[in-house]
Every structure is written in structure tokens, then in C-alpha cells.
PDB file of all heavy atoms in Angstrom:
ATOM      1  N   LEU A   1     192.959 122.858 177.281  1.00  0.00           N
ATOM      2  CA  LEU A   1     193.752 122.917 176.063  1.00  0.00           C
ATOM      3  C   LEU A   1     194.376 124.274 175.890  1.00  0.00           C
ATOM      4  O   LEU A   1     193.837 125.274 176.371  1.00  0.00           O
ATOM      5  CB  LEU A   1     192.853 122.612 174.851  1.00  0.00           C
ATOM      6  CG  LEU A   1     192.331 121.161 174.731  1.00  0.00           C
ATOM      7  CD1 LEU A   1     191.347 121.074 173.588  1.00  0.00           C
ATOM      8  CD2 LEU A   1     193.479 120.194 174.540  1.00  0.00           C
ATOM      9  N   PRO A   2     195.524 124.385 175.205  1.00  0.00           N
ATOM     10  CA  PRO A   2     196.119 125.684 174.940  1.00  0.00           C
ATOM     11  C   PRO A   2     195.199 126.553 174.115  1.00  0.00           C
ATOM     12  O   PRO A   2     194.340 126.057 173.380  1.00  0.00           O
ATOM     13  CB  PRO A   2     197.404 125.342 174.176  1.00  0.00           C
ATOM     14  CG  PRO A   2     197.217 123.955 173.695  1.00  0.00           C
ATOM     15  CD  PRO A   2     196.320 123.274 174.648  1.00  0.00           C
ATOM     16  N   ALA A   3     195.413 127.868 174.185  1.00  0.00           N
ATOM     17  CA  ALA A   3     194.527 128.834 173.524  1.00  0.00           C
ATOM     18  C   ALA A   3     194.434 128.568 172.031  1.00  0.00           C
ATOM     19  O   ALA A   3     193.376 128.723 171.433  1.00  0.00           O
ATOM     20  CB  ALA A   3     195.015 130.262 173.777  1.00  0.00           C
ATOM     21  N   ARG A   4     195.537 128.122 171.388  1.00  0.00           N
ATOM     22  CA  ARG A   4     195.515 127.910 169.950  1.00  0.00           C
ATOM     23  C   ARG A   4     194.540 126.793 169.584  1.00  0.00           C
ATOM     24  O   ARG A   4     193.948 126.799 168.507  1.00  0.00           O
ATOM     25  CB  ARG A   4     196.925 127.583 169.442  1.00  0.00           C
ATOM     26  CG  ARG A   4     196.974 127.386 167.949  1.00  0.00           C
ATOM     27  CD  ARG A   4     198.387 127.129 167.462  1.00  0.00           C
ATOM     28  NE  ARG A   4     199.187 128.322 167.442  1.00  0.00           N
ATOM     29  CZ  ARG A   4     199.170 129.210 166.458  1.00  0.00           C
ATOM     30  NH1 ARG A   4     198.363 129.043 165.426  1.00  0.00           N
ATOM     31  NH2 ARG A   4     199.943 130.277 166.491  1.00  0.00           N
ATOM     32  N   ALA A   5     194.380 125.784 170.493  1.00  0.00           N
ATOM     33  CA  ALA A   5     193.495 124.679 170.192  1.00  0.00           C
ATOM     34  C   ALA A   5     192.025 125.102 170.275  1.00  0.00           C
ATOM     35  O   ALA A   5     191.161 124.484 169.667  1.00  0.00           O
ATOM     36  CB  ALA A   5     193.769 123.525 171.135  1.00  0.00           C
ATOM     37  N   GLN A   6     191.736 126.117 171.059  1.00  0.00           N
ATOM     38  CA  GLN A   6     190.380 126.615 171.182  1.00  0.00           C
ATOM     39  C   GLN A   6     190.203 127.740 170.168  1.00  0.00           C
ATOM     40  O   GLN A   6     190.658 128.855 170.375  1.00  0.00           O
ATOM     41  CB  GLN A   6     190.135 127.139 172.595  1.00  0.00           C
ATOM     42  CG  GLN A   6     190.345 126.086 173.672  1.00  0.00           C
ATOM     43  CD  GLN A   6     190.172 126.669 175.062  1.00  0.00           C
ATOM     44  OE1 GLN A   6     189.308 127.489 175.304  1.00  0.00           O
ATOM     45  NE2 GLN A   6     191.032 126.242 175.978  1.00  0.00           N
ATOM     46  N   THR A   7     189.563 127.420 169.068  1.00  0.00           N
ATOM     47  CA  THR A   7     189.451 128.398 167.991  1.00  0.00           C
ATOM     48  C   THR A   7     188.016 128.846 167.816  1.00  0.00           C
ATOM     49  O   THR A   7     187.076 128.210 168.284  1.00  0.00           O
ATOM     50  CB  THR A   7     189.958 127.806 166.671  1.00  0.00           C
ATOM     51  OG1 THR A   7     189.151 126.681 166.317  1.00  0.00           O
ATOM     52  CG2 THR A   7     191.419 127.383 166.788  1.00  0.00           C
ATOM     53  N   ARG A   8     187.887 129.983 167.129  1.00  0.00           N
ATOM     54  CA  ARG A   8     186.574 130.512 166.740  1.00  0.00           C
ATOM     55  C   ARG A   8     186.664 130.894 165.276  1.00  0.00           C
ATOM     56  O   ARG A   8     187.720 131.284 164.789  1.00  0.00           O
ATOM     57  CB  ARG A   8     186.205 131.721 167.595  1.00  0.00           C
ATOM     58  CG  ARG A   8     187.288 132.756 167.673  1.00  0.00           C
ATOM     59  CD  ARG A   8     187.175 133.645 168.902  1.00  0.00           C
ATOM     60  NE  ARG A   8     188.388 134.407 169.087  1.00  0.00           N
ATOM     61  CZ  ARG A   8     188.672 135.537 168.456  1.00  0.00           C
ATOM     62  NH1 ARG A   8     187.783 136.039 167.605  1.00  0.00           N
ATOM     63  NH2 ARG A   8     189.783 136.173 168.654  1.00  0.00           N
ATOM     64  N   SER A   9     185.580 130.773 164.581  1.00  0.00           N
ATOM     65  CA  SER A   9     185.566 131.014 163.146  1.00  0.00           C
ATOM     66  C   SER A   9     185.122 132.444 162.861  1.00  0.00           C
ATOM     67  O   SER A   9     184.077 132.887 163.360  1.00  0.00           O
ATOM     68  CB  SER A   9     184.630 130.023 162.462  1.00  0.00           C
ATOM     69  OG  SER A   9     184.653 130.189 161.067  1.00  0.00           O
ATOM     70  N   VAL A  10     185.921 133.157 162.075  1.00  0.00           N
ATOM     71  CA  VAL A  10     185.621 134.549 161.711  1.00  0.00           C
ATOM     72  C   VAL A  10     185.693 134.645 160.188  1.00  0.00           C
ATOM     73  O   VAL A  10     186.605 134.098 159.566  1.00  0.00           O
ATOM     74  CB  VAL A  10     186.637 135.519 162.351  1.00  0.00           C
ATOM     75  CG1 VAL A  10     186.343 136.961 161.927  1.00  0.00           C
ATOM     76  CG2 VAL A  10     186.614 135.397 163.866  1.00  0.00           C
ATOM     77  N   THR A  11     184.740 135.347 159.597  1.00  0.00           N
ATOM     78  CA  THR A  11     184.746 135.557 158.154  1.00  0.00           C
ATOM     79  C   THR A  11     185.486 136.852 157.832  1.00  0.00           C
ATOM     80  O   THR A  11     185.117 137.921 158.320  1.00  0.00           O
ATOM     81  CB  THR A  11     183.308 135.648 157.600  1.00  0.00           C
ATOM     82  OG1 THR A  11     182.618 134.443 157.924  1.00  0.00           O
ATOM     83  CG2 THR A  11     183.320 135.834 156.086  1.00  0.00           C
ATOM     84  N   ASP A  12     186.541 136.755 157.002  1.00  0.00           N
ATOM     85  CA  ASP A  12     187.325 137.945 156.697  1.00  0.00           C
ATOM     86  C   ASP A  12     186.707 138.717 155.537  1.00  0.00           C
ATOM     87  O   ASP A  12     185.628 138.360 155.030  1.00  0.00           O
ATOM     88  CB  ASP A  12     188.799 137.601 156.453  1.00  0.00           C
ATOM     89  CG  ASP A  12     189.045 136.855 155.136  1.00  0.00           C
ATOM     90  OD1 ASP A  12     188.097 136.676 154.350  1.00  0.00           O
ATOM     91  OD2 ASP A  12     190.199 136.473 154.889  1.00  0.00           O
ATOM     92  N   SER A  13     187.373 139.777 155.084  1.00  0.00           N
ATOM     93  CA  SER A  13     186.817 140.662 154.052  1.00  0.00           C
ATOM     94  C   SER A  13     186.703 139.990 152.691  1.00  0.00           C
ATOM     95  O   SER A  13     185.983 140.491 151.819  1.00  0.00           O
ATOM     96  CB  SER A  13     187.677 141.925 153.919  1.00  0.00           C
ATOM     97  OG  SER A  13     187.642 142.683 155.107  1.00  0.00           O
ATOM     98  N   ALA A  14     187.406 138.883 152.505  1.00  0.00           N
ATOM     99  CA  ALA A  14     187.324 138.151 151.240  1.00  0.00           C
ATOM    100  C   ALA A  14     186.289 137.044 151.295  1.00  0.00           C
ATOM    101  O   ALA A  14     186.162 136.271 150.341  1.00  0.00           O
ATOM    102  CB  ALA A  14     188.696 137.576 150.889  1.00  0.00           C
ATOM    103  N   GLY A  15     185.561 136.957 152.420  1.00  0.00           N
ATOM    104  CA  GLY A  15     184.557 135.915 152.565  1.00  0.00           C
ATOM    105  C   GLY A  15     185.135 134.575 152.975  1.00  0.00           C
ATOM    106  O   GLY A  15     184.444 133.550 152.923  1.00  0.00           O
ATOM    107  N   ARG A  16     186.376 134.540 153.413  1.00  0.00           N
ATOM    108  CA  ARG A  16     187.033 133.310 153.840  1.00  0.00           C
ATOM    109  C   ARG A  16     186.754 133.051 155.320  1.00  0.00           C
ATOM    110  O   ARG A  16     186.821 133.980 156.125  1.00  0.00           O
ATOM    111  CB  ARG A  16     188.553 133.397 153.616  1.00  0.00           C
ATOM    112  CG  ARG A  16     188.953 133.654 152.185  1.00  0.00           C
ATOM    113  CD  ARG A  16     190.403 134.102 152.065  1.00  0.00           C
ATOM    114  NE  ARG A  16     191.366 133.182 152.638  1.00  0.00           N
ATOM    115  CZ  ARG A  16     192.017 133.405 153.777  1.00  0.00           C
ATOM    116  NH1 ARG A  16     191.816 134.524 154.468  1.00  0.00           N
ATOM    117  NH2 ARG A  16     192.883 132.535 154.239  1.00  0.00           N
ATOM    118  N   ARG A  17     186.482 131.821 155.673  1.00  0.00           N
ATOM    119  CA  ARG A  17     186.315 131.461 157.073  1.00  0.00           C
ATOM    120  C   ARG A  17     187.696 131.186 157.659  1.00  0.00           C
ATOM    121  O   ARG A  17     188.439 130.330 157.175  1.00  0.00           O
ATOM    122  CB  ARG A  17     185.430 130.231 157.232  1.00  0.00           C
ATOM    123  CG  ARG A  17     184.017 130.407 156.704  1.00  0.00           C
ATOM    124  CD  ARG A  17     183.231 131.448 157.488  1.00  0.00           C
ATOM    125  NE  ARG A  17     182.947 131.036 158.843  1.00  0.00           N
ATOM    126  CZ  ARG A  17     182.295 131.779 159.734  1.00  0.00           C
ATOM    127  NH1 ARG A  17     181.881 133.000 159.390  1.00  0.00           N
ATOM    128  NH2 ARG A  17     182.065 131.352 160.949  1.00  0.00           N
ATOM    129  N   VAL A  18     188.054 131.941 158.682  1.00  0.00           N
ATOM    130  CA  VAL A  18     189.376 131.813 159.298  1.00  0.00           C
ATOM    131  C   VAL A  18     189.192 131.366 160.744  1.00  0.00           C
ATOM    132  O   VAL A  18     188.451 132.000 161.508  1.00  0.00           O
ATOM    133  CB  VAL A  18     190.125 133.165 159.260  1.00  0.00           C
ATOM    134  CG1 VAL A  18     191.514 133.020 159.872  1.00  0.00           C
ATOM    135  CG2 VAL A  18     190.217 133.690 157.832  1.00  0.00           C
ATOM    136  N   ASN A  19     189.833 130.281 161.107  1.00  0.00           N
ATOM    137  CA  ASN A  19     189.765 129.766 162.471  1.00  0.00           C
ATOM    138  C   ASN A  19     190.848 130.448 163.320  1.00  0.00           C
ATOM    139  O   ASN A  19     192.042 130.175 163.160  1.00  0.00           O
ATOM    140  CB  ASN A  19     189.951 128.242 162.489  1.00  0.00           C
ATOM    141  CG  ASN A  19     188.780 127.533 161.841  1.00  0.00           C
ATOM    142  OD1 ASN A  19     187.633 127.956 161.990  1.00  0.00           O
ATOM    143  ND2 ASN A  19     189.053 126.461 161.109  1.00  0.00           N
ATOM    144  N   VAL A  20     190.399 131.292 164.209  1.00  0.00           N
ATOM    145  CA  VAL A  20     191.302 132.147 164.988  1.00  0.00           C
ATOM    146  C   VAL A  20     191.384 131.628 166.426  1.00  0.00           C
ATOM    147  O   VAL A  20     190.362 131.207 166.994  1.00  0.00           O
ATOM    148  CB  VAL A  20     190.780 133.594 164.988  1.00  0.00           C
ATOM    149  CG1 VAL A  20     191.728 134.520 165.734  1.00  0.00           C
ATOM    150  CG2 VAL A  20     190.581 134.078 163.562  1.00  0.00           C
ATOM    151  N   PRO A  21     192.578 131.632 167.037  1.00  0.00           N
ATOM    152  CA  PRO A  21     192.691 131.212 168.434  1.00  0.00           C
ATOM    153  C   PRO A  21     191.802 132.042 169.355  1.00  0.00           C
ATOM    154  O   PRO A  21     191.511 133.207 169.082  1.00  0.00           O
ATOM    155  CB  PRO A  21     194.176 131.442 168.755  1.00  0.00           C
ATOM    156  CG  PRO A  21     194.854 131.424 167.443  1.00  0.00           C
ATOM    157  CD  PRO A  21     193.887 131.984 166.459  1.00  0.00           C
ATOM    158  N   ALA A  22     191.372 131.442 170.424  1.00  0.00           N
ATOM    159  CA  ALA A  22     190.522 132.149 171.378  1.00  0.00           C
ATOM    160  C   ALA A  22     191.226 133.396 171.909  1.00  0.00           C
ATOM    161  O   ALA A  22     190.582 134.432 172.123  1.00  0.00           O
ATOM    162  CB  ALA A  22     190.159 131.213 172.528  1.00  0.00           C
ATOM    163  N   GLN A  23     192.527 133.308 172.128  1.00  0.00           N
ATOM    164  CA  GLN A  23     193.315 134.447 172.568  1.00  0.00           C
ATOM    165  C   GLN A  23     194.391 134.741 171.521  1.00  0.00           C
ATOM    166  O   GLN A  23     195.226 133.889 171.241  1.00  0.00           O
ATOM    167  CB  GLN A  23     193.969 134.168 173.927  1.00  0.00           C
ATOM    168  CG  GLN A  23     192.978 134.028 175.059  1.00  0.00           C
ATOM    169  CD  GLN A  23     193.682 133.823 176.394  1.00  0.00           C
ATOM    170  OE1 GLN A  23     194.909 133.829 176.480  1.00  0.00           O
ATOM    171  NE2 GLN A  23     192.903 133.646 177.449  1.00  0.00           N
ATOM    172  N   VAL A  24     194.333 135.932 170.963  1.00  0.00           N
ATOM    173  CA  VAL A  24     195.307 136.351 169.964  1.00  0.00           C
ATOM    174  C   VAL A  24     196.284 137.317 170.630  1.00  0.00           C
ATOM    175  O   VAL A  24     195.921 138.434 170.985  1.00  0.00           O
ATOM    176  CB  VAL A  24     194.608 137.036 168.760  1.00  0.00           C
ATOM    177  CG1 VAL A  24     195.644 137.558 167.774  1.00  0.00           C
ATOM    178  CG2 VAL A  24     193.675 136.031 168.075  1.00  0.00           C
ATOM    179  N   GLN A  25     197.519 136.867 170.792  1.00  0.00           N
ATOM    180  CA  GLN A  25     198.514 137.653 171.509  1.00  0.00           C
ATOM    181  C   GLN A  25     199.686 138.090 170.648  1.00  0.00           C
ATOM    182  O   GLN A  25     200.394 139.021 171.009  1.00  0.00           O
ATOM    183  CB  GLN A  25     199.036 136.857 172.718  1.00  0.00           C
ATOM    184  CG  GLN A  25     197.935 136.519 173.716  1.00  0.00           C
ATOM    185  CD  GLN A  25     198.431 135.609 174.827  1.00  0.00           C
ATOM    186  OE1 GLN A  25     199.319 134.767 174.627  1.00  0.00           O
ATOM    187  NE2 GLN A  25     197.864 135.769 176.010  1.00  0.00           N
ATOM    188  N   ARG A  26     199.894 137.418 169.508  1.00  0.00           N
ATOM    189  CA  ARG A  26     201.008 137.750 168.629  1.00  0.00           C
ATOM    190  C   ARG A  26     200.496 137.778 167.191  1.00  0.00           C
ATOM    191  O   ARG A  26     200.053 136.746 166.663  1.00  0.00           O
ATOM    192  CB  ARG A  26     202.154 136.725 168.773  1.00  0.00           C
ATOM    193  CG  ARG A  26     202.877 136.801 170.095  1.00  0.00           C
ATOM    194  CD  ARG A  26     203.880 135.650 170.254  1.00  0.00           C
ATOM    195  NE  ARG A  26     204.876 135.603 169.197  1.00  0.00           N
ATOM    196  CZ  ARG A  26     205.947 136.392 169.138  1.00  0.00           C
ATOM    197  NH1 ARG A  26     206.159 137.298 170.088  1.00  0.00           N
ATOM    198  NH2 ARG A  26     206.818 136.258 168.148  1.00  0.00           N
ATOM    199  N   ILE A  27     200.569 138.950 166.555  1.00  0.00           N
ATOM    200  CA  ILE A  27     200.035 139.103 165.205  1.00  0.00           C
ATOM    201  C   ILE A  27     201.136 139.555 164.266  1.00  0.00           C
ATOM    202  O   ILE A  27     201.847 140.531 164.536  1.00  0.00           O
ATOM    203  CB  ILE A  27     198.870 140.109 165.159  1.00  0.00           C
ATOM    204  CG1 ILE A  27     197.827 139.767 166.223  1.00  0.00           C
ATOM    205  CG2 ILE A  27     198.232 140.127 163.778  1.00  0.00           C
ATOM    206  CD1 ILE A  27     196.690 140.780 166.315  1.00  0.00           C
ATOM    207  N   PHE A  28     201.252 138.878 163.154  1.00  0.00           N
ATOM    208  CA  PHE A  28     202.251 139.209 162.134  1.00  0.00           C
ATOM    209  C   PHE A  28     201.575 140.040 161.044  1.00  0.00           C
ATOM    210  O   PHE A  28     200.618 139.585 160.411  1.00  0.00           O
ATOM    211  CB  PHE A  28     202.841 137.937 161.527  1.00  0.00           C
ATOM    212  CG  PHE A  28     203.985 138.175 160.572  1.00  0.00           C
ATOM    213  CD1 PHE A  28     205.291 138.091 161.024  1.00  0.00           C
ATOM    214  CD2 PHE A  28     203.752 138.497 159.245  1.00  0.00           C
ATOM    215  CE1 PHE A  28     206.347 138.311 160.144  1.00  0.00           C
ATOM    216  CE2 PHE A  28     204.794 138.725 158.375  1.00  0.00           C
ATOM    217  CZ  PHE A  28     206.111 138.644 158.829  1.00  0.00           C
ATOM    218  N   PRO A  29     202.064 141.269 160.789  1.00  0.00           N
ATOM    219  CA  PRO A  29     201.498 142.075 159.709  1.00  0.00           C
ATOM    220  C   PRO A  29     202.100 141.688 158.366  1.00  0.00           C
ATOM    221  O   PRO A  29     203.320 141.692 158.202  1.00  0.00           O
ATOM    222  CB  PRO A  29     201.906 143.496 160.107  1.00  0.00           C
ATOM    223  CG  PRO A  29     203.216 143.332 160.815  1.00  0.00           C
ATOM    224  CD  PRO A  29     203.135 141.986 161.510  1.00  0.00           C
ATOM    225  N   ALA A  30     201.256 141.384 157.385  1.00  0.00           N
ATOM    226  CA  ALA A  30     201.767 140.926 156.093  1.00  0.00           C
ATOM    227  C   ALA A  30     202.413 142.046 155.290  1.00  0.00           C
ATOM    228  O   ALA A  30     203.215 141.791 154.398  1.00  0.00           O
ATOM    229  CB  ALA A  30     200.640 140.291 155.277  1.00  0.00           C
ATOM    230  N   GLY A  31     202.062 143.297 155.577  1.00  0.00           N
ATOM    231  CA  GLY A  31     202.627 144.448 154.871  1.00  0.00           C
ATOM    232  C   GLY A  31     202.443 145.719 155.689  1.00  0.00           C
ATOM    233  O   GLY A  31     201.799 145.708 156.748  1.00  0.00           O
ATOM    234  N   PRO A  32     202.977 146.853 155.205  1.00  0.00           N
ATOM    235  CA  PRO A  32     202.903 148.105 155.953  1.00  0.00           C
ATOM    236  C   PRO A  32     201.488 148.557 156.295  1.00  0.00           C
ATOM    237  O   PRO A  32     201.255 149.006 157.435  1.00  0.00           O
ATOM    238  CB  PRO A  32     203.612 149.104 155.024  1.00  0.00           C
ATOM    239  CG  PRO A  32     204.574 148.260 154.245  1.00  0.00           C
ATOM    240  CD  PRO A  32     203.855 146.967 154.019  1.00  0.00           C
ATOM    241  N   PRO A  33     200.501 148.515 155.376  1.00  0.00           N
ATOM    242  CA  PRO A  33     199.151 148.945 155.778  1.00  0.00           C
ATOM    243  C   PRO A  33     198.606 148.157 156.963  1.00  0.00           C
ATOM    244  O   PRO A  33     198.018 148.725 157.887  1.00  0.00           O
ATOM    245  CB  PRO A  33     198.331 148.723 154.505  1.00  0.00           C
ATOM    246  CG  PRO A  33     199.312 148.847 153.382  1.00  0.00           C
ATOM    247  CD  PRO A  33     200.558 148.210 153.930  1.00  0.00           C
ATOM    248  N   ALA A  34     198.820 146.832 156.955  1.00  0.00           N
ATOM    249  CA  ALA A  34     198.330 146.007 158.052  1.00  0.00           C
ATOM    250  C   ALA A  34     199.017 146.356 159.364  1.00  0.00           C
ATOM    251  O   ALA A  34     198.387 146.344 160.435  1.00  0.00           O
ATOM    252  CB  ALA A  34     198.552 144.532 157.717  1.00  0.00           C
ATOM    253  N   ALA A  35     200.303 146.675 159.311  1.00  0.00           N
ATOM    254  CA  ALA A  35     201.025 147.033 160.532  1.00  0.00           C
ATOM    255  C   ALA A  35     200.410 148.260 161.194  1.00  0.00           C
ATOM    256  O   ALA A  35     200.289 148.320 162.418  1.00  0.00           O
ATOM    257  CB  ALA A  35     202.496 147.278 160.217  1.00  0.00           C
ATOM    258  N   ILE A  36     200.000 149.233 160.389  1.00  0.00           N
ATOM    259  CA  ILE A  36     199.417 150.442 160.968  1.00  0.00           C
ATOM    260  C   ILE A  36     198.025 150.159 161.526  1.00  0.00           C
ATOM    261  O   ILE A  36     197.669 150.635 162.612  1.00  0.00           O
ATOM    262  CB  ILE A  36     199.381 151.565 159.912  1.00  0.00           C
ATOM    263  CG1 ILE A  36     200.801 151.870 159.445  1.00  0.00           C
ATOM    264  CG2 ILE A  36     198.732 152.832 160.483  1.00  0.00           C
ATOM    265  CD1 ILE A  36     200.887 152.856 158.298  1.00  0.00           C
ATOM    266  N   TRP A  37     197.221 149.387 160.814  1.00  0.00           N
ATOM    267  CA  TRP A  37     195.930 148.959 161.351  1.00  0.00           C
ATOM    268  C   TRP A  37     196.137 148.321 162.727  1.00  0.00           C
ATOM    269  O   TRP A  37     195.446 148.665 163.698  1.00  0.00           O
ATOM    270  CB  TRP A  37     195.281 147.933 160.430  1.00  0.00           C
ATOM    271  CG  TRP A  37     194.546 148.432 159.254  1.00  0.00           C
ATOM    272  CD1 TRP A  37     195.058 148.763 158.023  1.00  0.00           C
ATOM    273  CD2 TRP A  37     193.124 148.653 159.132  1.00  0.00           C
ATOM    274  NE1 TRP A  37     194.059 149.158 157.175  1.00  0.00           N
ATOM    275  CE2 TRP A  37     192.865 149.092 157.817  1.00  0.00           C
ATOM    276  CE3 TRP A  37     192.068 148.490 160.012  1.00  0.00           C
ATOM    277  CZ2 TRP A  37     191.589 149.385 157.363  1.00  0.00           C
ATOM    278  CZ3 TRP A  37     190.777 148.774 159.551  1.00  0.00           C
ATOM    279  CH2 TRP A  37     190.543 149.220 158.251  1.00  0.00           C
ATOM    280  N   LEU A  38     197.064 147.369 162.809  1.00  0.00           N
ATOM    281  CA  LEU A  38     197.279 146.638 164.042  1.00  0.00           C
ATOM    282  C   LEU A  38     197.813 147.534 165.147  1.00  0.00           C
ATOM    283  O   LEU A  38     197.403 147.415 166.313  1.00  0.00           O
ATOM    284  CB  LEU A  38     198.237 145.475 163.788  1.00  0.00           C
ATOM    285  CG  LEU A  38     197.654 144.339 162.931  1.00  0.00           C
ATOM    286  CD1 LEU A  38     198.761 143.405 162.473  1.00  0.00           C
ATOM    287  CD2 LEU A  38     196.598 143.579 163.710  1.00  0.00           C
ATOM    288  N   TYR A  39     198.733 148.420 164.793  1.00  0.00           N
ATOM    289  CA  TYR A  39     199.281 149.332 165.805  1.00  0.00           C
ATOM    290  C   TYR A  39     198.174 150.175 166.442  1.00  0.00           C
ATOM    291  O   TYR A  39     198.146 150.383 167.653  1.00  0.00           O
ATOM    292  CB  TYR A  39     200.341 150.249 165.187  1.00  0.00           C
ATOM    293  CG  TYR A  39     200.753 151.369 166.122  1.00  0.00           C
ATOM    294  CD1 TYR A  39     201.697 151.137 167.117  1.00  0.00           C
ATOM    295  CD2 TYR A  39     200.174 152.622 166.039  1.00  0.00           C
ATOM    296  CE1 TYR A  39     202.056 152.149 168.001  1.00  0.00           C
ATOM    297  CE2 TYR A  39     200.521 153.633 166.916  1.00  0.00           C
ATOM    298  CZ  TYR A  39     201.467 153.398 167.894  1.00  0.00           C
ATOM    299  OH  TYR A  39     201.800 154.399 168.780  1.00  0.00           O
ATOM    300  N   THR A  40     197.255 150.679 165.621  1.00  0.00           N
ATOM    301  CA  THR A  40     196.217 151.566 166.153  1.00  0.00           C
ATOM    302  C   THR A  40     195.207 150.817 167.015  1.00  0.00           C
ATOM    303  O   THR A  40     194.640 151.397 167.943  1.00  0.00           O
ATOM    304  CB  THR A  40     195.467 152.289 165.016  1.00  0.00           C
ATOM    305  OG1 THR A  40     194.854 151.317 164.152  1.00  0.00           O
ATOM    306  CG2 THR A  40     196.409 153.182 164.218  1.00  0.00           C
TER     307      THR A  40
END
């Protein structure tokens, strides 16, 4: 199956369960602080 179909569950800082692809290759930053976190 493609990587997106193979997911893993991660709990974010708000306590939400997020199903993330096995391989994360493209990430969209929702705002400037997130962009800097991701860049580093």
C-alpha cells in the first residue's frame, strides 16, 4: 500500500490523536512559527 495508507497514531500537544503517514515527505506549515520549527 502507499505510504499514506500505512498510518501511525501520534498524540499532539492538544491531546488529539493524529493518524500520520508512515513516511512524511511534504509538510505544510500553518503559520510562521511552525515554518521555523519545521525548517530547523
